[in-house]
């Protein structure tokens, strides 16, 4: 039984008879938080790069820019990535870009313990996807925890099986 306005309750009980929409599955992967030791090593390395470039070039601005350039190249490690599975497809929100892939355009998945390569040639908007390691696709991060990574891998495969190929 659901809550309803008083006028509807006077006429009798109101039962929800709607078909429930398929639920979405979402997770966030943040490698720097999952591996704090490595995160501290990255921060120390960035500081060392900044200091050495500053001393070499004689200007602190060059040191900041050098450290920032290395930090941008490590953005997938330093910042969180959100993944969302829906009946339409998968959406991956990386810190500097977003990928949306429809299930019917997925050609397959190659799995590693902490990530998968979702093989597809075009995204949901029809744009060509760049190559990742010689193949066209998008990296789906699963995280460092093996139990959570296995649950996420199964969820991706289940959504793909129901809606894709």
N, C-alpha and C. Protein backbone atom coordinates (compact mmCIF):
# COMPACT_ATOMS: atom_id res chain seq x y z
N UNK A 1 0.85 -1.17 0.00
CA UNK A 1 0.00 0.00 0.00
C UNK A 1 0.89 1.23 0.00
N UNK A 2 0.48 2.28 -0.68
CA UNK A 2 1.24 3.50 -0.74
C UNK A 2 0.47 4.64 -0.09
N UNK A 3 1.16 5.71 0.21
CA UNK A 3 0.50 6.90 0.75
C UNK A 3 -0.20 7.62 -0.39
N UNK A 4 -1.39 8.13 -0.10
CA UNK A 4 -2.16 8.84 -1.12
C UNK A 4 -2.88 10.01 -0.47
N UNK A 5 -3.33 10.97 -1.29
CA UNK A 5 -4.11 12.07 -0.73
C UNK A 5 -5.36 11.56 -0.02
N UNK A 6 -5.87 12.34 0.95
CA UNK A 6 -7.00 11.94 1.77
C UNK A 6 -8.22 11.61 0.91
N UNK A 7 -8.47 12.36 -0.14
CA UNK A 7 -9.63 12.09 -1.00
C UNK A 7 -9.57 10.71 -1.62
N UNK A 8 -8.42 10.25 -1.97
CA UNK A 8 -8.29 8.92 -2.55
C UNK A 8 -8.45 7.84 -1.48
N UNK A 9 -8.02 8.13 -0.27
CA UNK A 9 -8.14 7.14 0.81
C UNK A 9 -9.59 6.93 1.20
N UNK A 10 -10.43 7.97 1.10
CA UNK A 10 -11.84 7.83 1.44
C UNK A 10 -12.54 6.86 0.50
N UNK A 11 -12.06 6.76 -0.75
CA UNK A 11 -12.66 5.84 -1.72
C UNK A 11 -12.11 4.43 -1.60
N UNK A 12 -11.10 4.22 -0.78
CA UNK A 12 -10.55 2.88 -0.61
C UNK A 12 -9.04 2.91 -0.69
N UNK A 13 -8.44 1.77 -0.47
CA UNK A 13 -6.98 1.67 -0.49
C UNK A 13 -6.45 1.88 -1.90
N UNK A 14 -5.32 2.51 -1.96
CA UNK A 14 -4.67 2.76 -3.24
C UNK A 14 -3.43 1.88 -3.29
N UNK A 15 -3.37 1.01 -4.27
CA UNK A 15 -2.21 0.12 -4.42
C UNK A 15 -1.41 0.54 -5.63
N UNK A 16 -0.13 0.46 -5.51
CA UNK A 16 0.75 0.80 -6.63
C UNK A 16 0.79 -0.40 -7.59
N UNK A 17 0.35 -0.21 -8.81
CA UNK A 17 0.32 -1.28 -9.80
C UNK A 17 1.25 -0.99 -10.97
N UNK A 18 2.12 -0.01 -10.81
CA UNK A 18 3.03 0.35 -11.88
C UNK A 18 4.19 -0.62 -11.95
N UNK A 19 4.69 -0.79 -13.16
CA UNK A 19 5.89 -1.60 -13.34
C UNK A 19 7.09 -0.77 -12.89
N UNK A 20 7.90 -1.35 -12.05
CA UNK A 20 9.06 -0.62 -11.54
C UNK A 20 10.09 -0.47 -12.64
N UNK A 21 10.64 0.74 -12.82
CA UNK A 21 11.68 0.92 -13.83
C UNK A 21 12.95 0.18 -13.41
N UNK A 22 13.72 -0.23 -14.39
CA UNK A 22 14.96 -0.93 -14.08
C UNK A 22 15.89 0.01 -13.33
N UNK A 23 16.47 -0.51 -12.30
CA UNK A 23 17.34 0.33 -11.49
C UNK A 23 18.69 0.52 -12.17
N UNK A 24 19.31 1.59 -11.84
CA UNK A 24 20.65 1.87 -12.36
C UNK A 24 21.67 1.34 -11.35
N UNK A 25 22.86 1.14 -11.82
CA UNK A 25 23.96 0.68 -10.96
C UNK A 25 25.09 1.68 -11.13
N UNK A 26 25.55 2.23 -10.01
CA UNK A 26 26.59 3.27 -10.07
C UNK A 26 27.67 2.99 -9.05
N UNK A 27 28.87 3.44 -9.36
CA UNK A 27 29.98 3.34 -8.42
C UNK A 27 30.99 4.42 -8.73
N UNK A 28 31.86 4.67 -7.75
CA UNK A 28 32.93 5.64 -7.89
C UNK A 28 34.26 4.95 -7.59
N UNK A 29 35.23 5.17 -8.45
CA UNK A 29 36.57 4.62 -8.26
C UNK A 29 37.52 5.81 -8.08
N UNK A 30 38.28 5.78 -6.98
CA UNK A 30 39.24 6.83 -6.69
C UNK A 30 40.54 6.16 -6.26
N UNK A 31 41.42 5.87 -7.22
CA UNK A 31 42.64 5.13 -6.91
C UNK A 31 43.52 5.78 -5.84
N UNK A 32 43.60 7.09 -5.81
CA UNK A 32 44.43 7.76 -4.80
C UNK A 32 43.90 7.51 -3.40
N UNK A 33 42.60 7.40 -3.25
CA UNK A 33 42.01 7.13 -1.94
C UNK A 33 42.14 5.65 -1.57
N UNK A 34 42.05 4.78 -2.61
CA UNK A 34 42.16 3.35 -2.36
C UNK A 34 43.59 2.94 -2.02
N UNK A 35 44.56 3.68 -2.51
CA UNK A 35 45.98 3.38 -2.28
C UNK A 35 46.69 4.63 -1.76
N UNK A 36 46.51 4.95 -0.49
CA UNK A 36 47.08 6.19 0.05
C UNK A 36 48.60 6.23 0.03
N UNK A 37 49.26 5.10 0.15
CA UNK A 37 50.72 5.08 0.09
C UNK A 37 51.23 5.55 -1.26
N UNK A 38 50.61 5.05 -2.31
CA UNK A 38 51.00 5.49 -3.66
C UNK A 38 50.63 6.96 -3.87
N UNK A 39 49.51 7.39 -3.31
CA UNK A 39 49.11 8.79 -3.46
C UNK A 39 50.14 9.71 -2.83
N UNK A 40 50.66 9.36 -1.65
CA UNK A 40 51.69 10.18 -1.01
C UNK A 40 52.97 10.19 -1.83
N UNK A 41 53.30 9.05 -2.43
CA UNK A 41 54.50 9.00 -3.28
C UNK A 41 54.34 9.92 -4.50
N UNK A 42 53.13 9.96 -5.05
CA UNK A 42 52.86 10.85 -6.19
C UNK A 42 52.99 12.31 -5.76
N UNK A 43 52.44 12.66 -4.62
CA UNK A 43 52.52 14.04 -4.13
C UNK A 43 53.98 14.44 -3.87
N UNK A 44 54.74 13.55 -3.26
CA UNK A 44 56.15 13.83 -3.01
C UNK A 44 56.91 13.98 -4.32
N UNK A 45 56.62 13.11 -5.28
CA UNK A 45 57.28 13.19 -6.59
C UNK A 45 56.91 14.50 -7.30
N UNK A 46 55.65 14.91 -7.24
CA UNK A 46 55.24 16.17 -7.86
C UNK A 46 55.97 17.35 -7.22
N UNK A 47 56.11 17.32 -5.90
CA UNK A 47 56.84 18.41 -5.21
C UNK A 47 58.30 18.41 -5.63
N UNK A 48 58.90 17.23 -5.75
CA UNK A 48 60.30 17.15 -6.17
C UNK A 48 60.49 17.64 -7.60
N UNK A 49 59.56 17.28 -8.48
CA UNK A 49 59.63 17.76 -9.87
C UNK A 49 59.51 19.27 -9.91
N UNK A 50 58.55 19.80 -9.16
CA UNK A 50 58.37 21.25 -9.12
C UNK A 50 59.60 21.97 -8.59
N UNK A 51 60.19 21.43 -7.52
CA UNK A 51 61.37 22.07 -6.93
C UNK A 51 62.57 21.99 -7.88
N UNK A 52 62.76 20.84 -8.51
CA UNK A 52 63.92 20.71 -9.41
C UNK A 52 63.78 21.58 -10.65
N UNK A 53 62.58 21.68 -11.19
CA UNK A 53 62.38 22.54 -12.36
C UNK A 53 62.56 24.00 -11.96
N UNK A 54 62.06 24.37 -10.78
CA UNK A 54 62.22 25.75 -10.30
C UNK A 54 63.69 26.12 -10.15
N UNK A 55 64.48 25.21 -9.57
CA UNK A 55 65.91 25.48 -9.38
C UNK A 55 66.65 25.51 -10.71
N UNK A 56 66.29 24.60 -11.60
CA UNK A 56 66.97 24.54 -12.89
C UNK A 56 66.67 25.77 -13.75
N UNK A 57 65.42 26.17 -13.79
CA UNK A 57 65.01 27.28 -14.64
C UNK A 57 65.17 28.64 -13.95
N UNK A 58 65.32 28.63 -12.64
CA UNK A 58 65.50 29.88 -11.92
C UNK A 58 64.21 30.66 -11.70
N UNK A 59 63.07 30.01 -11.88
CA UNK A 59 61.79 30.68 -11.71
C UNK A 59 60.78 29.68 -11.14
N UNK A 60 60.09 30.08 -10.08
CA UNK A 60 59.12 29.20 -9.43
C UNK A 60 57.93 28.89 -10.34
N UNK A 61 57.60 29.80 -11.23
CA UNK A 61 56.48 29.60 -12.14
C UNK A 61 56.69 28.36 -13.01
N UNK A 62 57.90 28.14 -13.51
CA UNK A 62 58.19 26.96 -14.32
C UNK A 62 58.05 25.67 -13.49
N UNK A 63 58.43 25.74 -12.22
CA UNK A 63 58.28 24.58 -11.34
C UNK A 63 56.83 24.21 -11.11
N UNK A 64 56.00 25.23 -10.89
CA UNK A 64 54.57 24.99 -10.70
C UNK A 64 53.96 24.40 -11.98
N UNK A 65 54.32 24.96 -13.12
CA UNK A 65 53.77 24.47 -14.39
C UNK A 65 54.24 23.03 -14.69
N UNK A 66 55.49 22.72 -14.36
CA UNK A 66 55.99 21.37 -14.57
C UNK A 66 55.27 20.35 -13.70
N UNK A 67 55.09 20.68 -12.43
CA UNK A 67 54.37 19.78 -11.52
C UNK A 67 52.91 19.65 -11.94
N UNK A 68 52.32 20.75 -12.38
CA UNK A 68 50.92 20.71 -12.83
C UNK A 68 50.77 19.84 -14.08
N UNK A 69 51.72 19.91 -15.00
CA UNK A 69 51.65 19.09 -16.21
C UNK A 69 51.70 17.60 -15.86
N UNK A 70 52.54 17.24 -14.92
CA UNK A 70 52.60 15.83 -14.50
C UNK A 70 51.32 15.44 -13.77
N UNK A 71 50.78 16.32 -12.95
CA UNK A 71 49.54 16.03 -12.23
C UNK A 71 48.37 15.82 -13.19
N UNK A 72 48.30 16.61 -14.25
CA UNK A 72 47.23 16.45 -15.24
C UNK A 72 47.35 15.10 -15.93
N UNK A 73 48.57 14.67 -16.19
CA UNK A 73 48.75 13.37 -16.84
C UNK A 73 48.36 12.22 -15.91
N UNK A 74 48.30 12.46 -14.61
CA UNK A 74 47.91 11.45 -13.64
C UNK A 74 46.49 11.65 -13.12
N UNK A 75 45.66 12.39 -13.85
CA UNK A 75 44.33 12.73 -13.35
C UNK A 75 43.46 11.52 -13.06
N UNK A 76 43.59 10.44 -13.79
CA UNK A 76 42.77 9.25 -13.51
C UNK A 76 43.13 8.61 -12.17
N UNK A 77 44.36 8.79 -11.73
CA UNK A 77 44.76 8.27 -10.42
C UNK A 77 44.39 9.24 -9.31
N UNK A 78 44.60 10.52 -9.53
CA UNK A 78 44.45 11.51 -8.46
C UNK A 78 43.01 11.90 -8.17
N UNK A 79 42.12 11.82 -9.15
CA UNK A 79 40.74 12.29 -8.98
C UNK A 79 39.76 11.14 -9.19
N UNK A 80 38.56 11.23 -8.61
CA UNK A 80 37.59 10.13 -8.72
C UNK A 80 36.96 10.04 -10.11
N UNK A 81 36.58 8.82 -10.47
CA UNK A 81 35.86 8.53 -11.71
C UNK A 81 34.53 7.88 -11.33
N UNK A 82 33.43 8.40 -11.86
CA UNK A 82 32.09 7.86 -11.59
C UNK A 82 31.61 7.05 -12.78
N UNK A 83 31.01 5.91 -12.51
CA UNK A 83 30.45 5.06 -13.56
C UNK A 83 28.97 4.84 -13.26
N UNK A 84 28.15 4.86 -14.31
CA UNK A 84 26.71 4.68 -14.18
C UNK A 84 26.22 3.74 -15.27
N UNK A 85 25.56 2.65 -14.87
CA UNK A 85 24.95 1.72 -15.81
C UNK A 85 23.45 1.96 -15.81
N UNK A 86 22.85 2.14 -16.98
CA UNK A 86 21.41 2.27 -17.12
C UNK A 86 20.95 1.37 -18.24
N UNK A 87 19.68 1.33 -18.49
CA UNK A 87 19.17 0.49 -19.58
C UNK A 87 19.60 1.02 -20.94
N UNK A 88 19.96 2.30 -21.05
CA UNK A 88 20.41 2.86 -22.32
C UNK A 88 21.88 2.55 -22.60
N UNK A 89 22.71 2.51 -21.55
CA UNK A 89 24.14 2.29 -21.76
C UNK A 89 24.94 2.59 -20.53
N UNK A 90 26.21 2.84 -20.72
CA UNK A 90 27.12 3.12 -19.63
C UNK A 90 27.66 4.54 -19.78
N UNK A 91 27.75 5.25 -18.67
CA UNK A 91 28.30 6.60 -18.64
C UNK A 91 29.48 6.60 -17.68
N UNK A 92 30.63 7.08 -18.16
CA UNK A 92 31.83 7.15 -17.34
C UNK A 92 32.25 8.61 -17.25
N UNK A 93 32.15 9.17 -16.05
CA UNK A 93 32.54 10.57 -15.79
C UNK A 93 33.95 10.58 -15.25
N UNK A 94 34.91 10.85 -16.12
CA UNK A 94 36.29 11.04 -15.69
C UNK A 94 36.46 12.51 -15.31
N UNK A 95 37.54 12.84 -14.62
CA UNK A 95 37.72 14.24 -14.21
C UNK A 95 37.76 15.24 -15.38
N UNK A 96 38.33 14.87 -16.51
CA UNK A 96 38.47 15.83 -17.60
C UNK A 96 37.57 15.55 -18.81
N UNK A 97 36.81 14.46 -18.77
CA UNK A 97 35.91 14.16 -19.89
C UNK A 97 34.85 13.17 -19.46
N UNK A 98 33.86 12.98 -20.33
CA UNK A 98 32.77 12.06 -20.06
C UNK A 98 32.56 11.17 -21.29
N UNK A 99 32.34 9.88 -21.05
CA UNK A 99 32.03 8.94 -22.12
C UNK A 99 30.64 8.39 -21.88
N UNK A 100 29.83 8.32 -22.93
CA UNK A 100 28.51 7.69 -22.86
C UNK A 100 28.43 6.72 -24.04
N UNK A 101 28.29 5.42 -23.72
CA UNK A 101 28.26 4.38 -24.73
C UNK A 101 26.92 3.66 -24.64
N UNK A 102 26.21 3.54 -25.77
CA UNK A 102 24.97 2.78 -25.82
C UNK A 102 25.29 1.28 -25.84
N UNK A 103 24.44 0.47 -25.21
CA UNK A 103 24.71 -0.96 -25.13
C UNK A 103 24.75 -1.61 -26.51
N UNK A 104 23.94 -1.16 -27.44
CA UNK A 104 23.92 -1.81 -28.75
C UNK A 104 25.15 -1.51 -29.59
N UNK A 105 25.98 -0.55 -29.18
CA UNK A 105 27.21 -0.27 -29.93
C UNK A 105 28.43 -0.96 -29.31
N UNK A 106 28.24 -1.71 -28.23
CA UNK A 106 29.35 -2.41 -27.58
C UNK A 106 29.64 -3.70 -28.33
N UNK A 107 30.90 -3.88 -28.68
CA UNK A 107 31.32 -5.08 -29.41
C UNK A 107 31.83 -6.17 -28.49
N UNK A 108 32.20 -5.84 -27.28
CA UNK A 108 32.71 -6.82 -26.33
C UNK A 108 33.47 -6.13 -25.21
N UNK A 109 33.95 -6.94 -24.27
CA UNK A 109 34.68 -6.40 -23.13
C UNK A 109 35.90 -7.28 -22.88
N UNK A 110 37.02 -6.63 -22.65
CA UNK A 110 38.24 -7.33 -22.24
C UNK A 110 38.50 -6.96 -20.79
N UNK A 111 38.59 -7.95 -19.90
CA UNK A 111 38.71 -7.68 -18.47
C UNK A 111 40.13 -7.86 -17.96
N UNK A 112 40.50 -7.01 -17.04
CA UNK A 112 41.69 -7.13 -16.20
C UNK A 112 41.17 -7.14 -14.76
N UNK A 113 42.00 -7.44 -13.76
CA UNK A 113 41.48 -7.49 -12.39
C UNK A 113 40.87 -6.18 -11.89
N UNK A 114 41.40 -5.03 -12.30
CA UNK A 114 40.90 -3.76 -11.76
C UNK A 114 40.26 -2.85 -12.80
N UNK A 115 40.08 -3.32 -14.03
CA UNK A 115 39.47 -2.50 -15.08
C UNK A 115 39.06 -3.39 -16.25
N UNK A 116 38.29 -2.80 -17.13
CA UNK A 116 37.91 -3.49 -18.35
C UNK A 116 37.95 -2.53 -19.51
N UNK A 117 38.17 -3.06 -20.70
CA UNK A 117 38.12 -2.24 -21.91
C UNK A 117 36.81 -2.56 -22.61
N UNK A 118 35.90 -1.62 -22.59
CA UNK A 118 34.61 -1.76 -23.25
C UNK A 118 34.82 -1.44 -24.72
N UNK A 119 34.86 -2.47 -25.56
CA UNK A 119 35.17 -2.27 -26.97
C UNK A 119 33.95 -1.72 -27.72
N UNK A 120 34.14 -0.54 -28.29
CA UNK A 120 33.10 0.12 -29.08
C UNK A 120 33.79 1.09 -30.03
N UNK A 121 33.18 1.33 -31.18
CA UNK A 121 33.79 2.25 -32.13
C UNK A 121 33.18 3.64 -32.06
N UNK A 122 31.94 3.74 -31.59
CA UNK A 122 31.26 5.05 -31.52
C UNK A 122 30.57 5.19 -30.17
N UNK A 123 30.48 6.45 -29.70
CA UNK A 123 29.76 6.69 -28.45
C UNK A 123 28.29 6.94 -28.75
N UNK A 124 27.52 7.28 -27.71
CA UNK A 124 26.07 7.45 -27.87
C UNK A 124 25.72 8.62 -28.80
N UNK A 125 26.61 9.60 -28.93
CA UNK A 125 26.37 10.74 -29.81
C UNK A 125 26.85 10.48 -31.24
N UNK A 126 27.44 9.31 -31.50
CA UNK A 126 27.90 8.96 -32.83
C UNK A 126 29.33 9.35 -33.13
N UNK A 127 30.05 9.90 -32.14
CA UNK A 127 31.44 10.28 -32.35
C UNK A 127 32.34 9.05 -32.30
N UNK A 128 33.41 9.07 -33.07
CA UNK A 128 34.37 7.97 -33.08
C UNK A 128 35.16 7.99 -31.78
N UNK A 129 35.34 6.81 -31.18
CA UNK A 129 36.07 6.68 -29.92
C UNK A 129 37.55 6.48 -30.23
N UNK A 130 38.40 7.11 -29.44
CA UNK A 130 39.84 7.00 -29.66
C UNK A 130 40.35 5.61 -29.29
N UNK A 131 41.53 5.30 -29.77
CA UNK A 131 42.13 3.99 -29.51
C UNK A 131 42.74 3.94 -28.12
N UNK A 132 42.59 2.80 -27.46
CA UNK A 132 43.19 2.53 -26.16
C UNK A 132 44.00 1.24 -26.30
N UNK A 133 45.29 1.35 -26.39
CA UNK A 133 46.13 0.16 -26.50
C UNK A 133 45.92 -0.60 -27.80
N UNK A 134 45.69 0.10 -28.89
CA UNK A 134 45.51 -0.55 -30.19
C UNK A 134 44.08 -0.93 -30.50
N UNK A 135 43.15 -0.76 -29.57
CA UNK A 135 41.74 -1.10 -29.80
C UNK A 135 40.88 0.12 -29.51
N UNK A 136 39.78 0.22 -30.18
CA UNK A 136 38.84 1.31 -29.90
C UNK A 136 37.95 0.90 -28.74
N UNK A 137 37.85 1.79 -27.78
CA UNK A 137 37.01 1.50 -26.63
C UNK A 137 37.23 2.48 -25.50
N UNK A 138 36.58 2.19 -24.39
CA UNK A 138 36.63 3.04 -23.21
C UNK A 138 37.01 2.17 -22.02
N UNK A 139 37.91 2.67 -21.19
CA UNK A 139 38.32 1.94 -19.99
C UNK A 139 37.25 2.11 -18.91
N UNK A 140 36.80 0.98 -18.36
CA UNK A 140 35.83 0.97 -17.27
C UNK A 140 36.58 0.61 -15.99
N UNK A 141 36.83 1.58 -15.10
CA UNK A 141 37.57 1.26 -13.87
C UNK A 141 36.69 0.49 -12.89
N UNK A 142 37.25 -0.53 -12.26
CA UNK A 142 36.51 -1.34 -11.31
C UNK A 142 36.97 -1.14 -9.86
N UNK A 143 38.15 -0.63 -9.67
CA UNK A 143 38.67 -0.40 -8.33
C UNK A 143 39.65 -1.46 -7.90
N UNK A 144 40.32 -1.19 -6.77
CA UNK A 144 41.38 -2.07 -6.27
C UNK A 144 40.84 -3.22 -5.43
N UNK A 145 39.71 -3.04 -4.75
CA UNK A 145 39.12 -4.08 -3.91
C UNK A 145 38.59 -5.22 -4.79
N UNK A 146 39.11 -6.45 -4.63
CA UNK A 146 38.72 -7.53 -5.53
C UNK A 146 37.25 -7.92 -5.43
N UNK A 147 36.65 -7.83 -4.25
CA UNK A 147 35.24 -8.19 -4.09
C UNK A 147 34.34 -7.17 -4.80
N UNK A 148 34.61 -5.89 -4.58
CA UNK A 148 33.83 -4.84 -5.23
C UNK A 148 34.05 -4.86 -6.74
N UNK A 149 35.28 -5.10 -7.17
CA UNK A 149 35.58 -5.15 -8.60
C UNK A 149 34.83 -6.29 -9.28
N UNK A 150 34.73 -7.44 -8.63
CA UNK A 150 34.00 -8.58 -9.20
C UNK A 150 32.51 -8.27 -9.30
N UNK A 151 31.95 -7.61 -8.27
CA UNK A 151 30.53 -7.24 -8.31
C UNK A 151 30.26 -6.25 -9.44
N UNK A 152 31.16 -5.31 -9.63
CA UNK A 152 31.00 -4.32 -10.70
C UNK A 152 31.14 -4.97 -12.07
N UNK A 153 32.08 -5.91 -12.20
CA UNK A 153 32.26 -6.61 -13.47
C UNK A 153 31.00 -7.40 -13.81
N UNK A 154 30.43 -8.09 -12.83
CA UNK A 154 29.19 -8.85 -13.06
C UNK A 154 28.02 -7.94 -13.43
N UNK A 155 27.96 -6.77 -12.81
CA UNK A 155 26.88 -5.83 -13.13
C UNK A 155 26.99 -5.35 -14.57
N UNK A 156 28.21 -5.02 -15.01
CA UNK A 156 28.40 -4.59 -16.40
C UNK A 156 28.00 -5.71 -17.35
N UNK A 157 28.42 -6.93 -17.06
CA UNK A 157 28.08 -8.05 -17.94
C UNK A 157 26.58 -8.32 -17.96
N UNK A 158 25.91 -8.18 -16.79
CA UNK A 158 24.47 -8.40 -16.74
C UNK A 158 23.71 -7.34 -17.53
N UNK A 159 24.09 -6.08 -17.39
CA UNK A 159 23.45 -5.02 -18.17
C UNK A 159 23.68 -5.23 -19.65
N UNK A 160 24.89 -5.60 -20.02
CA UNK A 160 25.21 -5.83 -21.43
C UNK A 160 24.40 -7.01 -21.98
N UNK A 161 24.26 -8.04 -21.19
CA UNK A 161 23.50 -9.21 -21.62
C UNK A 161 22.02 -8.88 -21.81
N UNK A 162 21.46 -8.07 -20.90
CA UNK A 162 20.04 -7.71 -21.00
C UNK A 162 19.75 -6.72 -22.13
N UNK A 163 20.68 -5.80 -22.37
CA UNK A 163 20.37 -4.70 -23.29
C UNK A 163 21.24 -4.64 -24.53
N UNK A 164 22.33 -5.33 -24.52
CA UNK A 164 23.24 -5.24 -25.65
C UNK A 164 23.27 -6.51 -26.46
N UNK A 165 24.43 -7.10 -26.46
CA UNK A 165 24.65 -8.31 -27.26
C UNK A 165 24.82 -9.51 -26.38
